[in-house]
Amino acid sequence: MADTLGRPMKLGVLAPSNNTSVQPEYDAMRPPGVTNHVRRFRAPNALSRTDVEFRQQLENMRATMVDGIDEVLTFGARPHHSRQRA
């Protein structure tokens, strides 16, 4: 299939599942000819009262990021740039 919209650039965006502003913000900033390919990773709304709980939550999120990265790359996006936000 011909790529008619993402000629200059394809941007892979990995966003936490509980962040509702990343996708619309990236869409609002997108210049003509650039396509955003957004994938969310699981980020539970859990309290982190201690350093141990915070580290565990980060590890849980990192474990699901790999699948998100793979999905952004496998649906044909082949992004020129990719940014992870956690």
C-alpha atoms as a PDB file:
ATOM      1  CA  MET A   1       0.000   0.000   0.000  1.00  0.00           C
ATOM      2  CA  ALA A   2       1.321   3.429  -0.903  1.00  0.00           C
ATOM      3  CA  ASP A   3       2.118   5.782   1.957  1.00  0.00           C
ATOM      4  CA  THR A   4       0.397   9.014   0.970  1.00  0.00           C
ATOM      5  CA  LEU A   5       0.124  10.778   4.341  1.00  0.00           C
ATOM      6  CA  GLY A   6       3.350  10.003   6.192  1.00  0.00           C
ATOM      7  CA  ARG A   7       5.850  10.843   3.479  1.00  0.00           C
ATOM      8  CA  PRO A   8       8.107  13.295   5.345  1.00  0.00           C
ATOM      9  CA  MET A   9       7.964  11.580   8.718  1.00  0.00           C
ATOM     10  CA  LYS A  10       6.268   8.910  10.794  1.00  0.00           C
ATOM     11  CA  LEU A  11       6.403   9.474  14.532  1.00  0.00           C
ATOM     12  CA  GLY A  12       6.031   6.572  16.966  1.00  0.00           C
ATOM     13  CA  VAL A  13       4.577   7.637  20.314  1.00  0.00           C
ATOM     14  CA  LEU A  14       4.496   5.368  23.353  1.00  0.00           C
ATOM     15  CA  ALA A  15       2.194   6.744  26.057  1.00  0.00           C
ATOM     16  CA  PRO A  16       1.059   5.548  29.488  1.00  0.00           C
ATOM     17  CA  SER A  17      -2.497   4.202  29.495  1.00  0.00           C
ATOM     18  CA  ASN A  18      -3.558   6.645  32.205  1.00  0.00           C
ATOM     19  CA  ASN A  19      -2.299   9.715  30.341  1.00  0.00           C
ATOM     20  CA  THR A  20      -5.182  11.153  28.336  1.00  0.00           C
ATOM     21  CA  SER A  21      -3.400  14.223  26.962  1.00  0.00           C
ATOM     22  CA  VAL A  22      -0.410  12.806  25.060  1.00  0.00           C
ATOM     23  CA  GLN A  23      -2.270  11.725  21.925  1.00  0.00           C
ATOM     24  CA  PRO A  24      -4.342  14.902  21.384  1.00  0.00           C
ATOM     25  CA  GLU A  25      -1.305  17.086  22.144  1.00  0.00           C
ATOM     26  CA  TYR A  26       0.823  15.256  19.583  1.00  0.00           C
ATOM     27  CA  ASP A  27      -2.024  15.451  17.064  1.00  0.00           C
ATOM     28  CA  ALA A  28      -2.372  19.207  17.643  1.00  0.00           C
ATOM     29  CA  MET A  29       1.374  19.755  17.093  1.00  0.00           C
ATOM     30  CA  ARG A  30       1.634  17.498  14.035  1.00  0.00           C
ATOM     31  CA  PRO A  31       2.725  19.375  10.905  1.00  0.00           C
ATOM     32  CA  PRO A  32       1.318  18.434   7.483  1.00  0.00           C
ATOM     33  CA  GLY A  33       2.743  15.206   6.102  1.00  0.00           C
ATOM     34  CA  VAL A  34       3.629  13.737   9.489  1.00  0.00           C
ATOM     35  CA  THR A  35       1.660  10.793  10.873  1.00  0.00           C
ATOM     36  CA  ASN A  36       1.540   9.852  14.563  1.00  0.00           C
ATOM     37  CA  HIS A  37       1.440   6.185  15.477  1.00  0.00           C
ATOM     38  CA  VAL A  38       0.366   6.051  19.127  1.00  0.00           C
ATOM     39  CA  ARG A  39       0.483   2.959  21.297  1.00  0.00           C
ATOM     40  CA  ARG A  40      -0.343   2.912  24.977  1.00  0.00           C
ATOM     41  CA  PHE A  41       1.284   0.760  27.621  1.00  0.00           C
ATOM     42  CA  ARG A  42      -0.306  -0.329  30.875  1.00  0.00           C
ATOM     43  CA  ALA A  43       0.200   2.124  33.707  1.00  0.00           C
ATOM     44  CA  PRO A  44      -2.109   1.381  36.629  1.00  0.00           C
ATOM     45  CA  ASN A  45      -3.317   4.192  38.847  1.00  0.00           C
ATOM     46  CA  ALA A  46      -1.624   2.867  41.958  1.00  0.00           C
ATOM     47  CA  LEU A  47      -0.406   4.861  44.906  1.00  0.00           C
ATOM     48  CA  SER A  48       3.332   4.920  45.409  1.00  0.00           C
ATOM     49  CA  ARG A  49       3.824   5.706  49.056  1.00  0.00           C
ATOM     50  CA  THR A  50       7.347   4.342  49.337  1.00  0.00           C
ATOM     51  CA  ASP A  51      10.404   4.125  47.139  1.00  0.00           C
ATOM     52  CA  VAL A  52       9.883   0.365  46.868  1.00  0.00           C
ATOM     53  CA  GLU A  53       6.291   0.805  45.636  1.00  0.00           C
ATOM     54  CA  PHE A  54       7.398   3.460  43.146  1.00  0.00           C
ATOM     55  CA  ARG A  55      10.208   1.254  41.790  1.00  0.00           C
ATOM     56  CA  GLN A  56       7.804  -1.667  41.464  1.00  0.00           C
ATOM     57  CA  GLN A  57       5.326   0.459  39.532  1.00  0.00           C
ATOM     58  CA  LEU A  58       8.097   1.596  37.168  1.00  0.00           C
ATOM     59  CA  GLU A  59       9.167  -2.008  36.606  1.00  0.00           C
ATOM     60  CA  ASN A  60       5.573  -3.026  35.877  1.00  0.00           C
ATOM     61  CA  MET A  61       5.243  -0.244  33.286  1.00  0.00           C
ATOM     62  CA  ARG A  62       8.619  -1.012  31.690  1.00  0.00           C
ATOM     63  CA  ALA A  63       7.581  -4.638  31.262  1.00  0.00           C
ATOM     64  CA  THR A  64       4.619  -3.590  29.094  1.00  0.00           C
ATOM     65  CA  MET A  65       6.556  -0.986  27.080  1.00  0.00           C
ATOM     66  CA  VAL A  66       8.371  -3.640  25.051  1.00  0.00           C
ATOM     67  CA  ASP A  67       5.102  -4.921  23.596  1.00  0.00           C
ATOM     68  CA  GLY A  68       4.060  -1.362  22.801  1.00  0.00           C
ATOM     69  CA  ILE A  69       7.299  -0.683  20.949  1.00  0.00           C
ATOM     70  CA  ASP A  70       6.948  -3.924  18.998  1.00  0.00           C
ATOM     71  CA  GLU A  71       3.393  -3.033  17.993  1.00  0.00           C
ATOM     72  CA  VAL A  72       4.349   0.445  16.793  1.00  0.00           C
ATOM     73  CA  LEU A  73       7.051  -1.120  14.635  1.00  0.00           C
ATOM     74  CA  THR A  74       5.032  -4.051  13.279  1.00  0.00           C
ATOM     75  CA  PHE A  75       1.990  -2.288  11.895  1.00  0.00           C
ATOM     76  CA  GLY A  76       4.101  -0.772   9.158  1.00  0.00           C
ATOM     77  CA  ALA A  77       4.847   2.548  10.798  1.00  0.00           C
ATOM     78  CA  ARG A  78       8.607   2.160  10.750  1.00  0.00           C
ATOM     79  CA  PRO A  79       8.888   5.490  12.579  1.00  0.00           C
ATOM     80  CA  HIS A  80      11.777   7.809  11.893  1.00  0.00           C
ATOM     81  CA  HIS A  81      11.689   8.913  15.526  1.00  0.00           C
ATOM     82  CA  SER A  82      10.250   7.341  18.635  1.00  0.00           C
ATOM     83  CA  ARG A  83       9.914   8.842  22.082  1.00  0.00           C
ATOM     84  CA  GLN A  84       9.005   7.019  25.253  1.00  0.00           C
ATOM     85  CA  ARG A  85       7.167   8.871  27.971  1.00  0.00           C
ATOM     86  CA  ALA A  86       6.846   7.308  31.388  1.00  0.00           C
END
